[in-house]
Amino acid sequence: MVEMEFSALSWWIFWVVVQVLVVVGIVVALGLFIRWGRRKSAILESSNPREGHGPAATGK
């Protein structure tokens, strides 16, 4: 009986650890994706300073 309870407890702990790792992985992936997107947009804006300002940049 004690072995079965310990086995069930160990499986429960294992499953909790797996779920925590999955959640942490998703959060890290989202953070990196958002950071990469911001960096990419900043690079695009710095390489094309005349684009994105509309007719005000041409004086019309």
C-alpha atoms as a PDB file:
ATOM      1  CA  MET A   1       0.000   0.000   0.000  1.00  0.00           C
ATOM      2  CA  VAL A   2       2.754   2.450   0.912  1.00  0.00           C
ATOM      3  CA  GLU A   3       4.563   1.738  -2.355  1.00  0.00           C
ATOM      4  CA  MET A   4       1.427   2.399  -4.408  1.00  0.00           C
ATOM      5  CA  GLU A   5       0.757   5.679  -2.609  1.00  0.00           C
ATOM      6  CA  PHE A   6       4.355   6.734  -3.127  1.00  0.00           C
ATOM      7  CA  SER A   7       4.139   5.754  -6.776  1.00  0.00           C
ATOM      8  CA  ALA A   8       0.971   7.774  -7.257  1.00  0.00           C
ATOM      9  CA  LEU A   9       2.541  10.725  -5.455  1.00  0.00           C
ATOM     10  CA  SER A  10       5.697  10.510  -7.544  1.00  0.00           C
ATOM     11  CA  TRP A  11       3.633  10.427 -10.769  1.00  0.00           C
ATOM     12  CA  TRP A  12       1.654  13.439  -9.549  1.00  0.00           C
ATOM     13  CA  ILE A  13       4.866  15.358  -8.787  1.00  0.00           C
ATOM     14  CA  PHE A  14       6.316  14.341 -12.151  1.00  0.00           C
ATOM     15  CA  TRP A  15       3.198  15.568 -13.959  1.00  0.00           C
ATOM     16  CA  VAL A  16       3.240  18.894 -12.067  1.00  0.00           C
ATOM     17  CA  VAL A  17       6.909  19.392 -12.959  1.00  0.00           C
ATOM     18  CA  VAL A  18       6.187  18.651 -16.626  1.00  0.00           C
ATOM     19  CA  GLN A  19       3.300  21.135 -16.686  1.00  0.00           C
ATOM     20  CA  VAL A  20       5.399  23.822 -15.003  1.00  0.00           C
ATOM     21  CA  LEU A  21       8.171  23.296 -17.552  1.00  0.00           C
ATOM     22  CA  VAL A  22       5.660  23.542 -20.411  1.00  0.00           C
ATOM     23  CA  VAL A  23       4.204  26.782 -19.042  1.00  0.00           C
ATOM     24  CA  VAL A  24       7.672  28.268 -18.496  1.00  0.00           C
ATOM     25  CA  GLY A  25       8.652  27.252 -22.019  1.00  0.00           C
ATOM     26  CA  ILE A  26       5.574  28.916 -23.496  1.00  0.00           C
ATOM     27  CA  VAL A  27       6.192  32.120 -21.524  1.00  0.00           C
ATOM     28  CA  VAL A  28       9.848  32.229 -22.583  1.00  0.00           C
ATOM     29  CA  ALA A  29       8.919  31.551 -26.217  1.00  0.00           C
ATOM     30  CA  LEU A  30       6.330  34.342 -26.191  1.00  0.00           C
ATOM     31  CA  GLY A  31       8.803  36.721 -24.585  1.00  0.00           C
ATOM     32  CA  LEU A  32      11.464  35.952 -27.172  1.00  0.00           C
ATOM     33  CA  PHE A  33       8.931  36.243 -30.002  1.00  0.00           C
ATOM     34  CA  ILE A  34       7.761  39.664 -28.798  1.00  0.00           C
ATOM     35  CA  ARG A  35      11.350  40.822 -28.292  1.00  0.00           C
ATOM     36  CA  TRP A  36      12.340  39.595 -31.760  1.00  0.00           C
ATOM     37  CA  GLY A  37       9.330  41.332 -33.296  1.00  0.00           C
ATOM     38  CA  ARG A  38      10.193  44.627 -31.610  1.00  0.00           C
ATOM     39  CA  ARG A  39      13.814  44.338 -32.682  1.00  0.00           C
ATOM     40  CA  LYS A  40      12.804  43.554 -36.268  1.00  0.00           C
ATOM     41  CA  SER A  41      10.412  46.511 -36.426  1.00  0.00           C
ATOM     42  CA  ALA A  42      13.103  48.793 -34.974  1.00  0.00           C
ATOM     43  CA  ILE A  43      15.585  47.591 -37.597  1.00  0.00           C
ATOM     44  CA  LEU A  44      13.060  48.182 -40.376  1.00  0.00           C
ATOM     45  CA  GLU A  45      12.278  51.680 -39.102  1.00  0.00           C
ATOM     46  CA  SER A  46      15.947  52.625 -38.817  1.00  0.00           C
ATOM     47  CA  SER A  47      16.768  51.320 -42.305  1.00  0.00           C
ATOM     48  CA  ASN A  48      13.803  53.100 -43.944  1.00  0.00           C
ATOM     49  CA  PRO A  49      13.452  56.475 -42.203  1.00  0.00           C
ATOM     50  CA  ARG A  50      11.398  58.023 -45.026  1.00  0.00           C
ATOM     51  CA  GLU A  51       8.735  55.331 -45.069  1.00  0.00           C
ATOM     52  CA  GLY A  52       5.804  55.371 -42.704  1.00  0.00           C
ATOM     53  CA  HIS A  53       5.441  59.164 -42.489  1.00  0.00           C
ATOM     54  CA  GLY A  54       2.854  59.497 -45.243  1.00  0.00           C
ATOM     55  CA  PRO A  55       2.386  62.658 -47.316  1.00  0.00           C
ATOM     56  CA  ALA A  56       3.947  64.887 -44.631  1.00  0.00           C
ATOM     57  CA  ALA A  57       7.429  63.642 -45.546  1.00  0.00           C
ATOM     58  CA  THR A  58       7.048  64.699 -49.203  1.00  0.00           C
ATOM     59  CA  GLY A  59       5.589  68.115 -48.404  1.00  0.00           C
ATOM     60  CA  LYS A  60       2.240  67.492 -50.107  1.00  0.00           C
END
